[in-house]
PDB file of N, CA and C in Angstrom:
ATOM      1  N   MET A   1       5.031  23.428  -4.888  1.00  0.00           N
ATOM      2  CA  MET A   1       4.560  21.722  -4.653  1.00  0.00           C
ATOM      3  C   MET A   1       5.810  21.616  -3.839  1.00  0.00           C
ATOM      4  N   LEU A   2       6.802  21.661  -4.156  1.00  0.00           N
ATOM      5  CA  LEU A   2       8.072  21.672  -2.765  1.00  0.00           C
ATOM      6  C   LEU A   2       7.743  22.588  -2.102  1.00  0.00           C
ATOM      7  N   LYS A   3       7.529  23.643  -2.120  1.00  0.00           N
ATOM      8  CA  LYS A   3       7.844  24.525  -0.707  1.00  0.00           C
ATOM      9  C   LYS A   3       6.870  24.164   0.257  1.00  0.00           C
ATOM     10  N   ARG A   4       5.579  22.453   0.417  1.00  0.00           N
ATOM     11  CA  ARG A   4       4.902  22.385   1.354  1.00  0.00           C
ATOM     12  C   ARG A   4       6.094  21.609   2.674  1.00  0.00           C
ATOM     13  N   ARG A   5       5.786  22.019   3.596  1.00  0.00           N
ATOM     14  CA  ARG A   5       6.359  21.813   5.014  1.00  0.00           C
ATOM     15  C   ARG A   5       5.911  19.984   4.981  1.00  0.00           C
ATOM     16  N   SER A   6       4.709  19.424   5.114  1.00  0.00           N
ATOM     17  CA  SER A   6       3.664  18.380   5.551  1.00  0.00           C
ATOM     18  C   SER A   6       3.865  17.743   5.285  1.00  0.00           C
ATOM     19  N   ILE A   7       3.531  16.449   4.473  1.00  0.00           N
ATOM     20  CA  ILE A   7       3.234  15.332   4.043  1.00  0.00           C
ATOM     21  C   ILE A   7       1.892  16.004   4.226  1.00  0.00           C
ATOM     22  N   ARG A   8       0.965  16.498   4.858  1.00  0.00           N
ATOM     23  CA  ARG A   8      -0.504  16.393   4.713  1.00  0.00           C
ATOM     24  C   ARG A   8      -0.303  17.496   3.692  1.00  0.00           C
ATOM     25  N   SER A   9       0.458  18.559   3.437  1.00  0.00           N
ATOM     26  CA  SER A   9      -0.079  19.697   2.249  1.00  0.00           C
ATOM     27  C   SER A   9       0.173  19.326   1.477  1.00  0.00           C
ATOM     28  N   LEU A  10       0.968  18.176   1.244  1.00  0.00           N
ATOM     29  CA  LEU A  10       1.386  18.102   0.376  1.00  0.00           C
ATOM     30  C   LEU A  10       0.319  17.227  -0.233  1.00  0.00           C
ATOM     31  N   THR A  11      -0.386  16.509   0.479  1.00  0.00           N
ATOM     32  CA  THR A  11      -1.157  15.822  -0.297  1.00  0.00           C
ATOM     33  C   THR A  11      -2.255  16.402  -0.268  1.00  0.00           C
ATOM     34  N   GLU A  12      -3.132  18.223   0.580  1.00  0.00           N
ATOM     35  CA  GLU A  12      -4.153  18.626   0.513  1.00  0.00           C
ATOM     36  C   GLU A  12      -3.834  19.531  -0.995  1.00  0.00           C
ATOM     37  N   ALA A  13      -2.416  19.322  -1.193  1.00  0.00           N
ATOM     38  CA  ALA A  13      -2.174  19.960  -3.000  1.00  0.00           C
ATOM     39  C   ALA A  13      -2.806  19.605  -3.961  1.00  0.00           C
ATOM     40  N   LEU A  14      -2.191  18.135  -3.921  1.00  0.00           N
ATOM     41  CA  LEU A  14      -2.155  16.931  -5.081  1.00  0.00           C
ATOM     42  C   LEU A  14      -3.374  17.049  -5.714  1.00  0.00           C
ATOM     43  N   LEU A  15      -4.385  16.764  -4.316  1.00  0.00           N
ATOM     44  CA  LEU A  15      -5.582  16.492  -4.616  1.00  0.00           C
ATOM     45  C   LEU A  15      -6.190  17.847  -5.488  1.00  0.00           C
ATOM     46  N   GLU A  16      -6.135  18.346  -4.704  1.00  0.00           N
ATOM     47  CA  GLU A  16      -6.577  19.959  -5.569  1.00  0.00           C
ATOM     48  C   GLU A  16      -6.631  19.862  -6.799  1.00  0.00           C
ATOM     49  N   ARG A  17      -5.503  20.210  -7.139  1.00  0.00           N
ATOM     50  CA  ARG A  17      -4.377  20.490  -8.708  1.00  0.00           C
ATOM     51  C   ARG A  17      -4.591  18.951  -9.379  1.00  0.00           C
ATOM     52  N   TYR A  18      -4.493  17.917  -8.940  1.00  0.00           N
ATOM     53  CA  TYR A  18      -4.932  16.697  -9.840  1.00  0.00           C
ATOM     54  C   TYR A  18      -5.804  15.332  -9.511  1.00  0.00           C
ATOM     55  N   SER A  19      -7.021  15.420  -8.837  1.00  0.00           N
ATOM     56  CA  SER A  19      -8.000  14.913  -8.144  1.00  0.00           C
ATOM     57  C   SER A  19      -9.112  15.711  -8.616  1.00  0.00           C
ATOM     58  N   GLU A  20     -10.533  14.835  -8.394  1.00  0.00           N
ATOM     59  CA  GLU A  20     -11.231  15.403  -8.373  1.00  0.00           C
ATOM     60  C   GLU A  20     -11.788  15.241  -7.121  1.00  0.00           C
ATOM     61  N   TYR A  21     -11.547  15.046  -5.756  1.00  0.00           N
ATOM     62  CA  TYR A  21     -11.858  15.646  -4.477  1.00  0.00           C
ATOM     63  C   TYR A  21     -12.249  16.963  -4.050  1.00  0.00           C
ATOM     64  N   ALA A  22     -13.073  17.003  -3.596  1.00  0.00           N
ATOM     65  CA  ALA A  22     -13.249  18.064  -2.253  1.00  0.00           C
ATOM     66  C   ALA A  22     -12.404  18.296  -1.164  1.00  0.00           C
ATOM     67  N   SER A  23     -11.681  17.081  -0.844  1.00  0.00           N
ATOM     68  CA  SER A  23     -11.248  17.607   0.617  1.00  0.00           C
ATOM     69  C   SER A  23     -10.108  16.354   0.702  1.00  0.00           C
ATOM     70  N   VAL A  24      -9.702  16.470   1.458  1.00  0.00           N
ATOM     71  CA  VAL A  24      -9.553  14.915   1.948  1.00  0.00           C
ATOM     72  C   VAL A  24      -9.693  14.113   2.388  1.00  0.00           C
ATOM     73  N   ARG A  25     -10.321  14.649   3.426  1.00  0.00           N
ATOM     74  CA  ARG A  25     -10.872  14.278   4.361  1.00  0.00           C
ATOM     75  C   ARG A  25     -11.951  12.982   3.399  1.00  0.00           C
ATOM     76  N   GLU A  26     -12.506  13.505   2.315  1.00  0.00           N
ATOM     77  CA  GLU A  26     -13.352  13.031   0.978  1.00  0.00           C
ATOM     78  C   GLU A  26     -12.589  11.620   0.559  1.00  0.00           C
ATOM     79  N   TYR A  27     -11.030  12.071  -0.116  1.00  0.00           N
ATOM     80  CA  TYR A  27      -9.999  11.251  -0.402  1.00  0.00           C
ATOM     81  C   TYR A  27      -9.995  10.286   0.312  1.00  0.00           C
ATOM     82  N   PHE A  28      -9.101  10.077   1.323  1.00  0.00           N
ATOM     83  CA  PHE A  28      -9.603   8.954   2.322  1.00  0.00           C
ATOM     84  C   PHE A  28     -10.973   8.606   2.773  1.00  0.00           C
ATOM     85  N   SER A  29     -11.659   8.803   2.907  1.00  0.00           N
ATOM     86  CA  SER A  29     -13.145   8.035   2.603  1.00  0.00           C
ATOM     87  C   SER A  29     -13.353   7.184   1.754  1.00  0.00           C
ATOM     88  N   ASP A  30     -12.707   7.688   0.776  1.00  0.00           N
ATOM     89  CA  ASP A  30     -12.470   6.578  -1.200  1.00  0.00           C
ATOM     90  C   ASP A  30     -11.751   5.673  -0.947  1.00  0.00           C
ATOM     91  N   TYR A  31     -10.547   5.705  -0.059  1.00  0.00           N
ATOM     92  CA  TYR A  31      -9.059   5.248  -0.113  1.00  0.00           C
ATOM     93  C   TYR A  31      -9.239   4.257   0.638  1.00  0.00           C
ATOM     94  N   THR A  32     -10.495   4.044   2.055  1.00  0.00           N
ATOM     95  CA  THR A  32      -9.978   3.129   3.455  1.00  0.00           C
ATOM     96  C   THR A  32     -10.051   2.215   2.822  1.00  0.00           C
ATOM     97  N   LEU A  33      -9.632   0.691   2.828  1.00  0.00           N
ATOM     98  CA  LEU A  33     -10.188  -1.046   2.703  1.00  0.00           C
ATOM     99  C   LEU A  33     -10.593  -0.620   4.097  1.00  0.00           C
ATOM    100  N   ILE A  34     -11.991  -1.278   4.209  1.00  0.00           N
ATOM    101  CA  ILE A  34     -12.213  -1.991   5.634  1.00  0.00           C
ATOM    102  C   ILE A  34     -12.954  -2.710   5.125  1.00  0.00           C
ATOM    103  N   ASN A  35     -12.739  -3.978   6.453  1.00  0.00           N
ATOM    104  CA  ASN A  35     -13.983  -4.953   6.526  1.00  0.00           C
ATOM    105  C   ASN A  35     -13.865  -6.299   5.085  1.00  0.00           C
ATOM    106  N   ASP A  36     -15.530  -5.411   3.956  1.00  0.00           N
ATOM    107  CA  ASP A  36     -15.361  -6.694   2.955  1.00  0.00           C
ATOM    108  C   ASP A  36     -15.282  -5.582   1.890  1.00  0.00           C
ATOM    109  N   ALA A  37     -13.941  -4.800   1.418  1.00  0.00           N
ATOM    110  CA  ALA A  37     -14.501  -3.738   0.680  1.00  0.00           C
ATOM    111  C   ALA A  37     -13.363  -4.778  -0.426  1.00  0.00           C
ATOM    112  N   LEU A  38     -12.160  -5.944  -0.009  1.00  0.00           N
ATOM    113  CA  LEU A  38     -12.066  -6.297  -1.445  1.00  0.00           C
ATOM    114  C   LEU A  38     -12.364  -7.641  -0.981  1.00  0.00           C
ATOM    115  N   VAL A  39     -13.463  -8.808  -1.333  1.00  0.00           N
ATOM    116  CA  VAL A  39     -13.963  -9.833  -1.010  1.00  0.00           C
ATOM    117  C   VAL A  39     -14.185  -9.955  -2.420  1.00  0.00           C
ATOM    118  N   ASP A  40     -14.897  -9.880  -3.180  1.00  0.00           N
ATOM    119  CA  ASP A  40     -15.145  -8.706  -4.721  1.00  0.00           C
ATOM    120  C   ASP A  40     -14.937  -9.591  -5.416  1.00  0.00           C
ATOM    121  N   ILE A  41     -12.906  -9.020  -5.398  1.00  0.00           N
ATOM    122  CA  ILE A  41     -12.216  -8.527  -6.124  1.00  0.00           C
ATOM    123  C   ILE A  41     -11.895 -10.031  -7.218  1.00  0.00           C
ATOM    124  N   GLN A  42     -12.449  -9.404  -8.077  1.00  0.00           N
ATOM    125  CA  GLN A  42     -11.877 -11.086  -9.061  1.00  0.00           C
ATOM    126  C   GLN A  42     -10.346 -11.647  -9.510  1.00  0.00           C
ATOM    127  N   PRO A  43      -9.748 -10.082  -9.701  1.00  0.00           N
ATOM    128  CA  PRO A  43      -8.078 -10.583 -10.263  1.00  0.00           C
ATOM    129  C   PRO A  43      -7.546 -10.955  -9.215  1.00  0.00           C
ATOM    130  N   PRO A  44      -6.406 -12.316  -9.331  1.00  0.00           N
ATOM    131  CA  PRO A  44      -5.363 -12.468  -8.192  1.00  0.00           C
ATOM    132  C   PRO A  44      -5.049 -11.911  -7.492  1.00  0.00           C
ATOM    133  N   THR A  45      -4.864 -11.321  -6.706  1.00  0.00           N
ATOM    134  CA  THR A  45      -4.053  -9.786  -6.099  1.00  0.00           C
ATOM    135  C   THR A  45      -4.111 -10.344  -4.719  1.00  0.00           C
ATOM    136  N   THR A  46      -2.679 -10.059  -4.939  1.00  0.00           N
ATOM    137  CA  THR A  46      -1.597  -9.887  -3.139  1.00  0.00           C
ATOM    138  C   THR A  46      -1.042  -8.509  -3.157  1.00  0.00           C
ATOM    139  N   LEU A  47      -1.783  -8.602  -1.908  1.00  0.00           N
ATOM    140  CA  LEU A  47      -1.400  -7.106  -0.799  1.00  0.00           C
ATOM    141  C   LEU A  47      -0.756  -7.565  -0.416  1.00  0.00           C
ATOM    142  N   LEU A  48       0.682  -6.348  -0.171  1.00  0.00           N
ATOM    143  CA  LEU A  48       2.378  -6.382   0.264  1.00  0.00           C
ATOM    144  C   LEU A  48       2.457  -5.773   1.337  1.00  0.00           C
ATOM    145  N   THR A  49       2.758  -5.587   2.589  1.00  0.00           N
ATOM    146  CA  THR A  49       2.846  -4.797   3.390  1.00  0.00           C
ATOM    147  C   THR A  49       3.915  -5.191   4.247  1.00  0.00           C
ATOM    148  N   ALA A  50       4.157  -3.601   5.515  1.00  0.00           N
ATOM    149  CA  ALA A  50       5.045  -4.248   6.472  1.00  0.00           C
ATOM    150  C   ALA A  50       5.099  -4.123   7.838  1.00  0.00           C
ATOM    151  N   ALA A  51       5.116  -5.665   8.484  1.00  0.00           N
ATOM    152  CA  ALA A  51       4.440  -5.082  10.035  1.00  0.00           C
ATOM    153  C   ALA A  51       5.359  -3.741  11.455  1.00  0.00           C
ATOM    154  N   ASP A  52       5.914  -3.118  10.469  1.00  0.00           N
ATOM    155  CA  ASP A  52       6.399  -1.601  11.533  1.00  0.00           C
ATOM    156  C   ASP A  52       5.825  -0.561  10.630  1.00  0.00           C
ATOM    157  N   ASP A  53       5.021  -0.197   9.410  1.00  0.00           N
ATOM    158  CA  ASP A  53       3.900   0.780   9.241  1.00  0.00           C
ATOM    159  C   ASP A  53       3.464   1.772  10.405  1.00  0.00           C
ATOM    160  N   PRO A  54       4.481   2.059   9.928  1.00  0.00           N
ATOM    161  CA  PRO A  54       3.584   4.042  10.897  1.00  0.00           C
ATOM    162  C   PRO A  54       2.664   4.425  10.743  1.00  0.00           C
ATOM    163  N   ILE A  55       1.698   4.290   9.641  1.00  0.00           N
ATOM    164  CA  ILE A  55       1.237   5.997   8.719  1.00  0.00           C
ATOM    165  C   ILE A  55       0.127   3.844   9.285  1.00  0.00           C
ATOM    166  N   ILE A  56      -0.384   2.857   8.446  1.00  0.00           N
ATOM    167  CA  ILE A  56      -0.672   1.822   8.294  1.00  0.00           C
ATOM    168  C   ILE A  56      -1.087   0.623   9.121  1.00  0.00           C
ATOM    169  N   PRO A  57      -1.528   0.713  10.110  1.00  0.00           N
ATOM    170  CA  PRO A  57      -1.022  -0.249  11.254  1.00  0.00           C
ATOM    171  C   PRO A  57      -1.901  -2.094  10.447  1.00  0.00           C
ATOM    172  N   VAL A  58      -0.603  -3.169  11.045  1.00  0.00           N
ATOM    173  CA  VAL A  58      -0.687  -4.055   9.831  1.00  0.00           C
ATOM    174  C   VAL A  58      -2.102  -4.813  10.184  1.00  0.00           C
ATOM    175  N   GLU A  59      -2.476  -4.190  11.554  1.00  0.00           N
ATOM    176  CA  GLU A  59      -3.887  -4.557  11.320  1.00  0.00           C
ATOM    177  C   GLU A  59      -5.043  -4.557  11.216  1.00  0.00           C
ATOM    178  N   ASP A  60      -5.773  -3.530  10.006  1.00  0.00           N
ATOM    179  CA  ASP A  60      -5.714  -3.617   9.247  1.00  0.00           C
ATOM    180  C   ASP A  60      -5.923  -4.324   8.027  1.00  0.00           C
ATOM    181  N   PHE A  61      -4.699  -4.820   7.745  1.00  0.00           N
ATOM    182  CA  PHE A  61      -4.981  -5.284   6.592  1.00  0.00           C
ATOM    183  C   PHE A  61      -4.914  -7.354   7.238  1.00  0.00           C
ATOM    184  N   THR A  62      -4.935  -7.202   8.064  1.00  0.00           N
ATOM    185  CA  THR A  62      -4.653  -8.692   9.326  1.00  0.00           C
ATOM    186  C   THR A  62      -6.118  -8.643   9.390  1.00  0.00           C
ATOM    187  N   GLN A  63      -7.183  -7.971   9.487  1.00  0.00           N
ATOM    188  CA  GLN A  63      -8.518  -7.946   9.762  1.00  0.00           C
ATOM    189  C   GLN A  63      -9.480  -7.933   8.513  1.00  0.00           C
ATOM    190  N   LEU A  64      -8.706  -7.103   7.428  1.00  0.00           N
ATOM    191  CA  LEU A  64      -9.928  -7.798   6.160  1.00  0.00           C
ATOM    192  C   LEU A  64     -10.466  -9.007   5.427  1.00  0.00           C
ATOM    193  N   LYS A  65     -11.306  -9.102   4.955  1.00  0.00           N
ATOM    194  CA  LYS A  65     -12.169 -10.374   5.027  1.00  0.00           C
ATOM    195  C   LYS A  65     -11.606 -10.300   3.342  1.00  0.00           C
ATOM    196  N   LEU A  66     -10.092 -11.898   2.907  1.00  0.00           N
ATOM    197  CA  LEU A  66      -9.981 -11.612   1.531  1.00  0.00           C
ATOM    198  C   LEU A  66     -11.117 -13.188   1.101  1.00  0.00           C
ATOM    199  N   ASN A  67     -11.018 -12.867  -0.394  1.00  0.00           N
ATOM    200  CA  ASN A  67     -11.264 -14.246  -0.797  1.00  0.00           C
ATOM    201  C   ASN A  67     -10.233 -15.250  -1.465  1.00  0.00           C
ATOM    202  N   ASP A  68     -10.363 -16.664  -1.975  1.00  0.00           N
ATOM    203  CA  ASP A  68      -9.489 -16.872  -2.444  1.00  0.00           C
ATOM    204  C   ASP A  68      -8.968 -16.722  -2.890  1.00  0.00           C
ATOM    205  N   VAL A  69      -8.723 -15.662  -4.119  1.00  0.00           N
ATOM    206  CA  VAL A  69      -7.375 -15.727  -5.015  1.00  0.00           C
ATOM    207  C   VAL A  69      -6.764 -13.916  -4.710  1.00  0.00           C
ATOM    208  N   THR A  70      -6.789 -14.359  -2.924  1.00  0.00           N
ATOM    209  CA  THR A  70      -6.625 -12.762  -2.378  1.00  0.00           C
ATOM    210  C   THR A  70      -5.721 -13.314  -1.604  1.00  0.00           C
ATOM    211  N   ARG A  71      -4.575 -12.737  -1.387  1.00  0.00           N
ATOM    212  CA  ARG A  71      -3.205 -12.964  -0.443  1.00  0.00           C
ATOM    213  C   ARG A  71      -2.609 -12.289   0.286  1.00  0.00           C
ATOM    214  N   LEU A  72      -2.713 -12.315   1.331  1.00  0.00           N
ATOM    215  CA  LEU A  72      -1.897 -11.079   2.013  1.00  0.00           C
ATOM    216  C   LEU A  72      -0.940 -11.558   2.801  1.00  0.00           C
ATOM    217  N   VAL A  73       0.305 -10.929   1.989  1.00  0.00           N
ATOM    218  CA  VAL A  73       1.517 -11.048   2.280  1.00  0.00           C
ATOM    219  C   VAL A  73       2.506  -9.799   3.713  1.00  0.00           C
ATOM    220  N   VAL A  74       2.566 -10.090   4.935  1.00  0.00           N
ATOM    221  CA  VAL A  74       3.261  -9.323   5.553  1.00  0.00           C
ATOM    222  C   VAL A  74       4.495  -9.268   5.435  1.00  0.00           C
ATOM    223  N   GLN A  75       5.657  -8.884   5.540  1.00  0.00           N
ATOM    224  CA  GLN A  75       6.844  -8.802   5.597  1.00  0.00           C
ATOM    225  C   GLN A  75       6.667  -7.402   6.990  1.00  0.00           C
ATOM    226  N   PRO A  76       8.160  -8.493   7.464  1.00  0.00           N
ATOM    227  CA  PRO A  76       8.615  -7.830   9.082  1.00  0.00           C
ATOM    228  C   PRO A  76       9.071  -6.057   9.152  1.00  0.00           C
ATOM    229  N   TYR A  77      10.404  -6.034   8.193  1.00  0.00           N
ATOM    230  CA  TYR A  77      10.402  -4.486   7.990  1.00  0.00           C
ATOM    231  C   TYR A  77      10.160  -3.957   7.134  1.00  0.00           C
ATOM    232  N   GLY A  78      10.145  -2.439   6.806  1.00  0.00           N
ATOM    233  CA  GLY A  78       9.777  -1.949   5.261  1.00  0.00           C
ATOM    234  C   GLY A  78       8.957  -0.582   5.682  1.00  0.00           C
ATOM    235  N   GLY A  79       8.385  -0.007   6.871  1.00  0.00           N
ATOM    236  CA  GLY A  79       7.619   0.909   7.053  1.00  0.00           C
ATOM    237  C   GLY A  79       7.030   1.406   5.731  1.00  0.00           C
ATOM    238  N   HIS A  80       6.393   2.553   5.504  1.00  0.00           N
ATOM    239  CA  HIS A  80       5.700   2.748   5.196  1.00  0.00           C
ATOM    240  C   HIS A  80       6.279   3.155   3.248  1.00  0.00           C
ATOM    241  N   ASN A  81       5.569   2.704   1.958  1.00  0.00           N
ATOM    242  CA  ASN A  81       5.961   2.959   1.461  1.00  0.00           C
ATOM    243  C   ASN A  81       7.825   3.012   0.371  1.00  0.00           C
ATOM    244  N   GLY A  82       7.854   1.956   1.194  1.00  0.00           N
ATOM    245  CA  GLY A  82       8.813   0.897   0.409  1.00  0.00           C
ATOM    246  C   GLY A  82      10.978   1.812   1.186  1.00  0.00           C
ATOM    247  N   PHE A  83      10.542   2.512   2.788  1.00  0.00           N
ATOM    248  CA  PHE A  83      11.509   3.503   2.674  1.00  0.00           C
ATOM    249  C   PHE A  83      13.292   2.546   2.360  1.00  0.00           C
ATOM    250  N   ILE A  84      14.428   3.307   1.723  1.00  0.00           N
ATOM    251  CA  ILE A  84      15.025   2.733   1.077  1.00  0.00           C
ATOM    252  C   ILE A  84      15.674   2.071   2.029  1.00  0.00           C
ATOM    253  N   SER A  85      16.624   0.901   1.635  1.00  0.00           N
ATOM    254  CA  SER A  85      17.278   0.394   2.650  1.00  0.00           C
ATOM    255  C   SER A  85      18.793   0.111   1.726  1.00  0.00           C
ATOM    256  N   GLY A  86      19.420  -0.152   3.423  1.00  0.00           N
ATOM    257  CA  GLY A  86      21.355  -0.182   2.428  1.00  0.00           C
ATOM    258  C   GLY A  86      21.681   0.688   1.531  1.00  0.00           C
ATOM    259  N   PHE A  87      22.540   0.346   1.729  1.00  0.00           N
ATOM    260  CA  PHE A  87      23.877   1.482   0.585  1.00  0.00           C
ATOM    261  C   PHE A  87      23.710   1.194  -1.331  1.00  0.00           C
ATOM    262  N   CYS A  88      22.813   0.532  -1.171  1.00  0.00           N
ATOM    263  CA  CYS A  88      22.831   0.542  -2.574  1.00  0.00           C
ATOM    264  C   CYS A  88      21.502   1.184  -3.087  1.00  0.00           C
ATOM    265  N   LEU A  89      20.477   1.587  -2.038  1.00  0.00           N
ATOM    266  CA  LEU A  89      19.743   2.675  -2.694  1.00  0.00           C
ATOM    267  C   LEU A  89      18.213   1.571  -2.312  1.00  0.00           C
ATOM    268  N   ASN A  90      18.479   0.463  -2.330  1.00  0.00           N
ATOM    269  CA  ASN A  90      16.591  -0.079  -3.033  1.00  0.00           C
ATOM    270  C   ASN A  90      15.652  -0.276  -1.704  1.00  0.00           C
ATOM    271  N   SER A  91      15.190  -0.369  -2.787  1.00  0.00           N
ATOM    272  CA  SER A  91      13.500  -0.264  -1.825  1.00  0.00           C
ATOM    273  C   SER A  91      12.977  -2.003  -1.255  1.00  0.00           C
ATOM    274  N   TRP A  92      12.592  -1.969   0.225  1.00  0.00           N
ATOM    275  CA  TRP A  92      12.489  -2.703   0.995  1.00  0.00           C
ATOM    276  C   TRP A  92      11.755  -3.961  -0.062  1.00  0.00           C
ATOM    277  N   TYR A  93      10.851  -4.200  -1.208  1.00  0.00           N
ATOM    278  CA  TYR A  93      10.000  -3.878  -1.604  1.00  0.00           C
ATOM    279  C   TYR A  93      10.100  -4.750  -2.829  1.00  0.00           C
ATOM    280  N   GLU A  94      11.104  -4.372  -3.320  1.00  0.00           N
ATOM    281  CA  GLU A  94      11.616  -5.267  -5.084  1.00  0.00           C
ATOM    282  C   GLU A  94      12.117  -6.635  -4.737  1.00  0.00           C
ATOM    283  N   ARG A  95      13.069  -6.919  -3.242  1.00  0.00           N
ATOM    284  CA  ARG A  95      13.316  -8.395  -3.269  1.00  0.00           C
ATOM    285  C   ARG A  95      11.452  -9.019  -2.905  1.00  0.00           C
ATOM    286  N   PRO A  96      10.564  -8.846  -2.617  1.00  0.00           N
ATOM    287  CA  PRO A  96      10.172  -9.109  -2.474  1.00  0.00           C
ATOM    288  C   PRO A  96       8.896  -9.430  -3.659  1.00  0.00           C
ATOM    289  N   LEU A  97       8.937  -8.294  -4.334  1.00  0.00           N
ATOM    290  CA  LEU A  97       8.411  -8.127  -5.282  1.00  0.00           C
ATOM    291  C   LEU A  97       8.596  -9.467  -6.388  1.00  0.00           C
ATOM    292  N   GLY A  98      10.319  -9.504  -6.302  1.00  0.00           N
ATOM    293  CA  GLY A  98      10.740 -10.439  -6.928  1.00  0.00           C
ATOM    294  C   GLY A  98      10.569 -11.709  -6.794  1.00  0.00           C
ATOM    295  N   GLU A  99      10.808 -11.731  -6.088  1.00  0.00           N
ATOM    296  CA  GLU A  99       9.673 -13.100  -5.615  1.00  0.00           C
ATOM    297  C   GLU A  99       9.105 -14.165  -6.148  1.00  0.00           C
ATOM    298  N   LEU A 100       7.744 -12.651  -5.873  1.00  0.00           N
ATOM    299  CA  LEU A 100       6.397 -12.695  -5.589  1.00  0.00           C
ATOM    300  C   LEU A 100       6.032 -13.265  -7.930  1.00  0.00           C
ATOM    301  N   PHE A 101       7.192 -11.910  -8.284  1.00  0.00           N
ATOM    302  CA  PHE A 101       6.430 -11.802  -9.889  1.00  0.00           C
ATOM    303  C   PHE A 101       7.071 -13.243 -10.306  1.00  0.00           C
ATOM    304  N   ASP A 102       8.258 -14.030 -10.380  1.00  0.00           N
ATOM    305  CA  ASP A 102       9.259 -15.038  -9.787  1.00  0.00           C
ATOM    306  C   ASP A 102       8.334 -16.294 -10.246  1.00  0.00           C
ATOM    307  N   GLU A 103       7.550 -16.927  -8.729  1.00  0.00           N
ATOM    308  CA  GLU A 103       6.675 -17.334  -8.167  1.00  0.00           C
ATOM    309  C   GLU A 103       5.315 -17.676  -9.351  1.00  0.00           C
ATOM    310  N   ILE A 104       5.170 -16.283  -9.758  1.00  0.00           N
ATOM    311  CA  ILE A 104       3.517 -16.227 -10.833  1.00  0.00           C
ATOM    312  C   ILE A 104       3.732 -16.697 -12.165  1.00  0.00           C
ATOM    313  N   THR A 105       5.187 -16.413 -12.697  1.00  0.00           N
ATOM    314  CA  THR A 105       5.361 -16.633 -14.172  1.00  0.00           C
ATOM    315  C   THR A 105       5.894 -18.400 -14.189  1.00  0.00           C
ATOM    316  N   LEU A 106       6.816 -18.706 -12.521  1.00  0.00           N
ATOM    317  CA  LEU A 106       7.200 -19.768 -13.386  1.00  0.00           C
ATOM    318  C   LEU A 106       5.790 -21.108 -13.094  1.00  0.00           C
ATOM    319  N   ARG A 107       5.254 -20.826 -12.449  1.00  0.00           N
ATOM    320  CA  ARG A 107       4.069 -21.677 -11.651  1.00  0.00           C
ATOM    321  C   ARG A 107       3.584 -22.689 -12.788  1.00  0.00           C
ATOM    322  N   PRO A 108       3.647 -24.325 -13.481  1.00  0.00           N
ATOM    323  CA  PRO A 108       3.990 -24.729 -13.810  1.00  0.00           C
ATOM    324  C   PRO A 108       2.229 -24.555 -14.442  1.00  0.00           C
TER     325      PRO A 108
END
């Protein structure tokens, strides 16, 4: 696995070894959330993304149809998959997730 030279190649190898998907295309077809894919979700849900994500455009999230228990939080920076920020090697989403958890657990 470590000899793979691209994210695509690594994804293909992981899917082949650890999933039931026959191809990367099939995986991403199921993985894709578009239109009203989340409109019927029942548990309270928060989607957290970054406006500067180079892989998934923020418009893909803002165009989703969401219900009353689902909210979208867009951070201005963060890239894709929580790139490391600062000398302490923190992921960009650690602070917003902490704030979100505080908000949920400290609610009256």
